[in-house]
Amino acid sequence: MRRGDLYRVAKPSASDPKRFRVFVIVSRQTLIDSRFSTVVCAPVYSMRHGLATQVDVGMNQGLRHDCSVHCDELVSLRKSQLTHFVGRLTAAKLMDLDNALLVALGISQLRNH
């Protein structure tokens, strides 16, 4: 399990109208590798609006059609729910994801600590 992996999750929440939803893992790798039981994920939707908080994905990432990752709708999912691997973001798409997360979280620039 790695950051940028896409997984198909069965009925992730009662409010989701879909029987299945694809999510991309956005948590840092240290958390993913830890014994912590959950990771932060962003949902993938068929609808694309071209927002700075969305990342276009599609067949090159293992999906059936063009979609987008919606970084404005982050959720915490149990690792045990992430069993149906779909695909993986490329290095370029991971950079796009990082930029979309910065916008979604209102982080204007990274600071060195």
Protein backbone atom coordinates (compact mmCIF):
# COMPACT_ATOMS: atom_id res chain seq x y z
CA MET A 1 0.00 0.00 0.00
CA ARG A 2 1.49 3.31 -1.13
CA ARG A 3 0.62 6.97 -1.37
CA GLY A 4 -1.06 7.52 -4.73
CA ASP A 5 -2.56 4.03 -4.92
CA LEU A 6 -6.16 3.82 -6.11
CA TYR A 7 -8.58 1.38 -4.49
CA ARG A 8 -12.19 0.48 -5.21
CA VAL A 9 -14.18 0.54 -1.96
CA ALA A 10 -17.61 -1.02 -1.46
CA LYS A 11 -20.22 1.45 -0.11
CA PRO A 12 -17.75 3.71 1.71
CA SER A 13 -20.52 5.62 3.50
CA ALA A 14 -24.27 5.52 3.93
CA SER A 15 -24.58 8.88 2.16
CA ASP A 16 -22.72 7.77 -0.99
CA PRO A 17 -25.23 6.88 -3.73
CA LYS A 18 -22.76 4.53 -5.46
CA ARG A 19 -22.31 0.88 -4.50
CA PHE A 20 -18.57 1.32 -5.08
CA ARG A 21 -16.27 4.33 -5.11
CA VAL A 22 -12.60 4.62 -6.05
CA PHE A 23 -10.31 6.46 -3.63
CA VAL A 24 -6.69 7.53 -3.85
CA ILE A 25 -4.50 7.37 -0.74
CA VAL A 26 -3.14 10.82 0.13
CA SER A 27 -1.60 10.12 3.55
CA ARG A 28 2.15 10.29 3.93
CA GLN A 29 3.98 7.00 3.52
CA THR A 30 5.12 6.94 7.18
CA LEU A 31 1.48 6.80 8.32
CA ILE A 32 0.58 4.20 5.69
CA ASP A 33 3.43 1.96 6.88
CA SER A 34 2.54 2.41 10.56
CA ARG A 35 0.19 0.33 12.70
CA PHE A 36 -2.35 3.16 12.56
CA SER A 37 -5.61 1.65 11.27
CA THR A 38 -6.75 4.45 8.94
CA VAL A 39 -5.39 6.57 6.09
CA VAL A 40 -6.59 9.81 4.51
CA CYS A 41 -8.04 9.34 1.03
CA ALA A 42 -9.60 11.48 -1.67
CA PRO A 43 -12.59 10.20 -3.67
CA VAL A 44 -12.64 9.82 -7.43
CA TYR A 45 -15.73 11.06 -9.25
CA SER A 46 -16.83 10.83 -12.87
CA MET A 47 -17.70 14.54 -12.85
CA ARG A 48 -14.85 16.89 -13.63
CA HIS A 49 -15.14 20.63 -13.18
CA GLY A 50 -11.56 21.69 -13.88
CA LEU A 51 -11.08 23.07 -10.38
CA ALA A 52 -7.60 23.56 -8.93
CA THR A 53 -8.58 21.09 -6.20
CA GLN A 54 -9.25 18.32 -8.72
CA VAL A 55 -6.78 16.04 -10.48
CA ASP A 56 -7.75 14.46 -13.79
CA VAL A 57 -7.19 10.70 -13.89
CA GLY A 58 -8.28 7.95 -16.24
CA MET A 59 -7.31 4.77 -18.02
CA ASN A 60 -3.57 5.39 -17.53
CA GLN A 61 -4.20 5.06 -13.80
CA GLY A 62 -6.23 1.85 -14.11
CA LEU A 63 -9.67 3.43 -14.30
CA ARG A 64 -12.37 2.59 -16.86
CA HIS A 65 -12.89 6.18 -18.01
CA ASP A 66 -11.78 9.76 -17.40
CA CYS A 67 -12.54 11.00 -13.87
CA SER A 68 -11.06 13.33 -11.30
CA VAL A 69 -9.74 13.10 -7.77
CA HIS A 70 -11.62 15.58 -5.56
CA CYS A 71 -9.25 16.93 -2.89
CA ASP A 72 -11.99 19.05 -1.30
CA GLU A 73 -13.65 15.87 0.01
CA LEU A 74 -10.93 14.11 2.00
CA VAL A 75 -12.02 11.19 4.18
CA SER A 76 -10.41 8.77 6.59
CA LEU A 77 -10.80 5.12 5.58
CA ARG A 78 -9.77 1.98 7.41
CA LYS A 79 -6.84 0.25 5.75
CA SER A 80 -8.86 -2.96 5.90
CA GLN A 81 -11.32 -1.40 3.41
CA LEU A 82 -8.56 -0.93 0.84
CA THR A 83 -8.37 -4.41 -0.66
CA HIS A 84 -9.35 -3.96 -4.32
CA PHE A 85 -6.31 -2.32 -5.96
CA VAL A 86 -7.18 -0.43 -9.16
CA GLY A 87 -4.03 1.44 -10.13
CA ARG A 88 -1.42 3.97 -9.16
CA LEU A 89 -0.77 7.65 -9.84
CA THR A 90 2.35 8.45 -11.82
CA ALA A 91 5.01 10.74 -10.36
CA ALA A 92 3.58 13.62 -12.42
CA LYS A 93 0.04 12.93 -11.16
CA LEU A 94 1.36 12.79 -7.57
CA MET A 95 2.77 16.29 -8.07
CA ASP A 96 -0.64 17.40 -9.38
CA LEU A 97 -2.22 15.79 -6.30
CA ASP A 98 0.17 17.65 -3.98
CA ASN A 99 -0.70 20.97 -5.65
CA ALA A 100 -4.45 20.24 -5.46
CA LEU A 101 -4.12 19.38 -1.76
CA LEU A 102 -2.29 22.66 -1.10
CA VAL A 103 -5.17 24.57 -2.68
CA ALA A 104 -7.85 22.47 -0.95
CA LEU A 105 -6.26 22.98 2.46
CA GLY A 106 -5.56 26.67 1.92
CA ILE A 107 -1.78 26.31 2.19
CA SER A 108 -0.22 29.11 0.18
CA GLN A 109 3.38 27.91 0.44
CA LEU A 110 5.48 25.35 2.23
CA ARG A 111 7.80 26.58 4.97
CA ASN A 112 11.05 25.02 6.07
CA HIS A 113 11.09 24.14 9.74
